[in-house]
Amino acid sequence: MMHEWSRSWYWSDSSPALAFFLTLAFWGVYFIPSVIAFWRNHRSKAAILALNILLGWTGLGWIGAFVWSLAYTGPDRINKAFAHENPA
C-alpha cells in the first residue's frame, strides 16, 4: 500500500516538471529535420527550416522536411569540396 504522502512530489499532477520535460522532448523531435539539414550543411537548409516551422505541425510537412533533409545535398557541395582539394 502506497501512502499519499510518499508519492506527493514525484507523481504530483500539479508539478510542472513532467510537462516541462515532455515539452522539451516534443520540440526536440519536432525540429529533427532542421537539425539534420544544418548538420549536413544542406544547401536548402533555410527552406527546410521554414517548412518545418510552418507546416511541420501537419505531420505531412514534418515528413516532407525530414525526407528533404536526408536527400542528396546536390553537386554544388561536392564541387566546392573537390575545388578545395585540387585547386586549378
N, C-alpha and C. Protein backbone atom coordinates (compact mmCIF):
# COMPACT_ATOMS: atom_id res chain seq x y z
N MET A 1 0.84 -1.17 0.00
CA MET A 1 0.00 0.00 0.00
C MET A 1 0.90 1.25 0.00
N MET A 2 0.63 2.13 -0.91
CA MET A 2 1.42 3.35 -1.01
C MET A 2 0.64 4.50 -0.39
N HIS A 3 1.31 5.20 0.50
CA HIS A 3 0.67 6.34 1.15
C HIS A 3 0.70 7.54 0.21
N GLU A 4 -0.29 8.38 0.35
CA GLU A 4 -0.40 9.56 -0.49
C GLU A 4 0.80 10.48 -0.34
N TRP A 5 1.33 10.60 0.86
CA TRP A 5 2.46 11.49 1.11
C TRP A 5 3.73 10.99 0.44
N SER A 6 3.86 9.68 0.17
CA SER A 6 5.09 9.14 -0.40
C SER A 6 5.22 9.44 -1.90
N ARG A 7 4.13 9.68 -2.55
CA ARG A 7 4.20 9.99 -3.98
C ARG A 7 3.73 11.41 -4.29
N SER A 8 3.63 12.22 -3.27
CA SER A 8 3.07 13.55 -3.46
C SER A 8 3.95 14.46 -4.31
N TRP A 9 5.26 14.31 -4.28
CA TRP A 9 6.11 15.17 -5.08
C TRP A 9 6.34 14.59 -6.47
N TYR A 10 6.72 13.35 -6.55
CA TYR A 10 7.12 12.77 -7.83
C TYR A 10 5.95 12.61 -8.78
N TRP A 11 4.83 12.16 -8.31
CA TRP A 11 3.68 11.88 -9.18
C TRP A 11 2.63 12.98 -9.13
N SER A 12 2.98 14.11 -8.62
CA SER A 12 2.01 15.18 -8.48
C SER A 12 1.55 15.70 -9.84
N ASP A 13 0.26 15.87 -9.98
CA ASP A 13 -0.29 16.44 -11.21
C ASP A 13 -0.03 17.94 -11.29
N SER A 14 0.25 18.56 -10.16
CA SER A 14 0.48 19.99 -10.16
C SER A 14 1.95 20.35 -10.41
N SER A 15 2.82 19.36 -10.44
CA SER A 15 4.23 19.61 -10.67
C SER A 15 4.47 19.89 -12.14
N PRO A 16 5.15 20.98 -12.47
CA PRO A 16 5.39 21.31 -13.87
C PRO A 16 6.58 20.56 -14.47
N ALA A 17 7.27 19.75 -13.69
CA ALA A 17 8.48 19.09 -14.18
C ALA A 17 8.17 18.14 -15.34
N LEU A 18 7.16 17.31 -15.21
CA LEU A 18 6.82 16.36 -16.27
C LEU A 18 6.39 17.10 -17.54
N ALA A 19 5.55 18.11 -17.38
CA ALA A 19 5.11 18.89 -18.54
C ALA A 19 6.28 19.58 -19.21
N PHE A 20 7.23 20.08 -18.43
CA PHE A 20 8.40 20.75 -18.97
C PHE A 20 9.25 19.78 -19.80
N PHE A 21 9.52 18.60 -19.25
CA PHE A 21 10.36 17.64 -19.97
C PHE A 21 9.65 17.05 -21.19
N LEU A 22 8.35 16.87 -21.11
CA LEU A 22 7.61 16.41 -22.29
C LEU A 22 7.60 17.48 -23.37
N THR A 23 7.51 18.73 -22.97
CA THR A 23 7.56 19.83 -23.94
C THR A 23 8.92 19.89 -24.61
N LEU A 24 9.99 19.76 -23.82
CA LEU A 24 11.34 19.73 -24.40
C LEU A 24 11.51 18.56 -25.37
N ALA A 25 10.99 17.40 -24.99
CA ALA A 25 11.10 16.23 -25.87
C ALA A 25 10.32 16.45 -27.16
N PHE A 26 9.13 17.03 -27.07
CA PHE A 26 8.33 17.30 -28.26
C PHE A 26 9.05 18.24 -29.22
N TRP A 27 9.57 19.36 -28.69
CA TRP A 27 10.26 20.32 -29.56
C TRP A 27 11.56 19.74 -30.10
N GLY A 28 12.21 18.88 -29.33
CA GLY A 28 13.42 18.22 -29.81
C GLY A 28 13.13 17.33 -31.01
N VAL A 29 12.05 16.58 -30.93
CA VAL A 29 11.65 15.71 -32.04
C VAL A 29 11.12 16.54 -33.20
N TYR A 30 10.38 17.60 -32.89
CA TYR A 30 9.77 18.44 -33.93
C TYR A 30 10.82 19.06 -34.85
N PHE A 31 11.96 19.46 -34.30
CA PHE A 31 12.98 20.14 -35.11
C PHE A 31 14.09 19.21 -35.60
N ILE A 32 13.91 17.91 -35.53
CA ILE A 32 14.91 16.97 -36.04
C ILE A 32 15.22 17.22 -37.52
N PRO A 33 14.24 17.44 -38.40
CA PRO A 33 14.58 17.70 -39.81
C PRO A 33 15.48 18.92 -39.99
N SER A 34 15.21 19.98 -39.27
CA SER A 34 16.03 21.20 -39.38
C SER A 34 17.43 20.96 -38.84
N VAL A 35 17.54 20.25 -37.74
CA VAL A 35 18.85 19.95 -37.17
C VAL A 35 19.67 19.12 -38.14
N ILE A 36 19.05 18.13 -38.77
CA ILE A 36 19.75 17.29 -39.75
C ILE A 36 20.21 18.13 -40.93
N ALA A 37 19.34 19.02 -41.41
CA ALA A 37 19.69 19.86 -42.56
C ALA A 37 20.89 20.76 -42.24
N PHE A 38 20.89 21.37 -41.08
CA PHE A 38 22.01 22.24 -40.70
C PHE A 38 23.27 21.43 -40.43
N TRP A 39 23.12 20.25 -39.85
CA TRP A 39 24.27 19.39 -39.56
C TRP A 39 24.93 18.91 -40.85
N ARG A 40 24.12 18.60 -41.87
CA ARG A 40 24.64 18.14 -43.15
C ARG A 40 25.02 19.30 -44.06
N ASN A 41 24.79 20.53 -43.61
CA ASN A 41 25.05 21.73 -44.39
C ASN A 41 24.32 21.66 -45.74
N HIS A 42 23.06 21.30 -45.65
CA HIS A 42 22.21 21.16 -46.84
C HIS A 42 22.06 22.51 -47.50
N ARG A 43 22.09 22.54 -48.82
CA ARG A 43 22.01 23.84 -49.49
C ARG A 43 20.62 24.45 -49.38
N SER A 44 19.62 23.68 -49.00
CA SER A 44 18.26 24.19 -48.81
C SER A 44 17.88 24.24 -47.34
N LYS A 45 18.85 24.41 -46.47
CA LYS A 45 18.57 24.34 -45.03
C LYS A 45 17.59 25.41 -44.56
N ALA A 46 17.63 26.60 -45.13
CA ALA A 46 16.69 27.65 -44.74
C ALA A 46 15.26 27.28 -45.16
N ALA A 47 15.11 26.71 -46.33
CA ALA A 47 13.78 26.30 -46.80
C ALA A 47 13.26 25.12 -45.98
N ILE A 48 14.14 24.22 -45.59
CA ILE A 48 13.73 23.09 -44.76
C ILE A 48 13.29 23.58 -43.39
N LEU A 49 14.01 24.55 -42.84
CA LEU A 49 13.62 25.14 -41.56
C LEU A 49 12.26 25.82 -41.68
N ALA A 50 12.04 26.56 -42.76
CA ALA A 50 10.75 27.23 -42.97
C ALA A 50 9.62 26.21 -43.09
N LEU A 51 9.84 25.15 -43.86
CA LEU A 51 8.83 24.10 -44.00
C LEU A 51 8.56 23.45 -42.66
N ASN A 52 9.60 23.20 -41.90
CA ASN A 52 9.46 22.58 -40.59
C ASN A 52 8.66 23.46 -39.64
N ILE A 53 8.94 24.75 -39.64
CA ILE A 53 8.23 25.67 -38.74
C ILE A 53 6.79 25.87 -39.18
N LEU A 54 6.58 26.12 -40.48
CA LEU A 54 5.25 26.50 -40.96
C LEU A 54 4.29 25.32 -41.15
N LEU A 55 4.80 24.18 -41.62
CA LEU A 55 3.91 23.06 -41.92
C LEU A 55 4.25 21.78 -41.18
N GLY A 56 5.25 21.82 -40.31
CA GLY A 56 5.63 20.62 -39.58
C GLY A 56 4.52 20.09 -38.69
N TRP A 57 3.67 20.97 -38.19
CA TRP A 57 2.59 20.57 -37.31
C TRP A 57 1.56 19.68 -38.00
N THR A 58 1.53 19.69 -39.35
CA THR A 58 0.55 18.89 -40.07
C THR A 58 0.93 17.42 -40.13
N GLY A 59 2.14 17.10 -39.84
CA GLY A 59 2.59 15.71 -39.96
C GLY A 59 3.19 15.47 -41.33
N LEU A 60 2.43 15.78 -42.37
CA LEU A 60 2.96 15.65 -43.73
C LEU A 60 4.08 16.65 -43.99
N GLY A 61 3.96 17.84 -43.43
CA GLY A 61 5.02 18.83 -43.55
C GLY A 61 6.28 18.38 -42.83
N TRP A 62 6.10 17.74 -41.68
CA TRP A 62 7.25 17.23 -40.93
C TRP A 62 7.93 16.10 -41.69
N ILE A 63 7.14 15.19 -42.24
CA ILE A 63 7.71 14.08 -43.03
C ILE A 63 8.42 14.63 -44.26
N GLY A 64 7.81 15.61 -44.93
CA GLY A 64 8.44 16.22 -46.09
C GLY A 64 9.76 16.88 -45.74
N ALA A 65 9.80 17.61 -44.64
CA ALA A 65 11.04 18.26 -44.21
C ALA A 65 12.08 17.22 -43.83
N PHE A 66 11.65 16.14 -43.19
CA PHE A 66 12.57 15.08 -42.78
C PHE A 66 13.20 14.40 -44.00
N VAL A 67 12.37 14.03 -44.96
CA VAL A 67 12.88 13.38 -46.18
C VAL A 67 13.78 14.33 -46.95
N TRP A 68 13.39 15.59 -47.06
CA TRP A 68 14.18 16.59 -47.77
C TRP A 68 15.53 16.80 -47.09
N SER A 69 15.55 16.79 -45.77
CA SER A 69 16.81 16.99 -45.05
C SER A 69 17.76 15.81 -45.25
N LEU A 70 17.22 14.63 -45.52
CA LEU A 70 18.04 13.44 -45.75
C LEU A 70 18.40 13.26 -47.23
N ALA A 71 17.80 14.05 -48.09
CA ALA A 71 18.02 13.93 -49.53
C ALA A 71 19.43 14.39 -49.90
N TYR A 72 19.82 14.01 -51.09
CA TYR A 72 21.12 14.38 -51.64
C TYR A 72 21.28 15.89 -51.62
N THR A 73 22.41 16.36 -51.11
CA THR A 73 22.59 17.81 -50.96
C THR A 73 22.90 18.52 -52.26
N GLY A 74 23.25 17.81 -53.29
CA GLY A 74 23.45 18.40 -54.59
C GLY A 74 24.90 18.50 -55.00
N PRO A 75 25.14 18.72 -56.30
CA PRO A 75 26.52 18.76 -56.79
C PRO A 75 27.29 20.00 -56.36
N ASP A 76 26.62 21.07 -55.97
CA ASP A 76 27.33 22.28 -55.56
C ASP A 76 28.26 22.00 -54.38
N ARG A 77 27.80 21.22 -53.44
CA ARG A 77 28.61 20.91 -52.26
C ARG A 77 29.80 20.04 -52.65
N ILE A 78 29.59 19.07 -53.53
CA ILE A 78 30.68 18.18 -53.96
C ILE A 78 31.70 18.96 -54.77
N ASN A 79 31.25 19.82 -55.67
CA ASN A 79 32.18 20.60 -56.49
C ASN A 79 33.02 21.54 -55.62
N LYS A 80 32.42 22.15 -54.60
CA LYS A 80 33.17 23.02 -53.72
C LYS A 80 34.22 22.23 -52.94
N ALA A 81 33.85 21.04 -52.47
CA ALA A 81 34.80 20.22 -51.73
C ALA A 81 35.92 19.77 -52.66
N PHE A 82 35.60 19.42 -53.88
CA PHE A 82 36.61 18.98 -54.84
C PHE A 82 37.54 20.14 -55.20
N ALA A 83 37.00 21.34 -55.30
CA ALA A 83 37.80 22.50 -55.67
C ALA A 83 38.81 22.83 -54.56
N HIS A 84 38.44 22.59 -53.32
CA HIS A 84 39.37 22.85 -52.22
C HIS A 84 40.52 21.85 -52.19
N GLU A 85 40.24 20.62 -52.62
CA GLU A 85 41.27 19.60 -52.61
C GLU A 85 42.23 19.74 -53.78
N ASN A 86 41.72 20.14 -54.93
CA ASN A 86 42.53 20.23 -56.16
C ASN A 86 42.39 21.60 -56.79
N PRO A 87 43.05 22.61 -56.23
CA PRO A 87 42.93 23.96 -56.85
C PRO A 87 43.60 23.98 -58.22
N ALA A 88 42.97 24.66 -59.14
CA ALA A 88 43.48 24.69 -60.52
C ALA A 88 44.59 25.70 -60.70
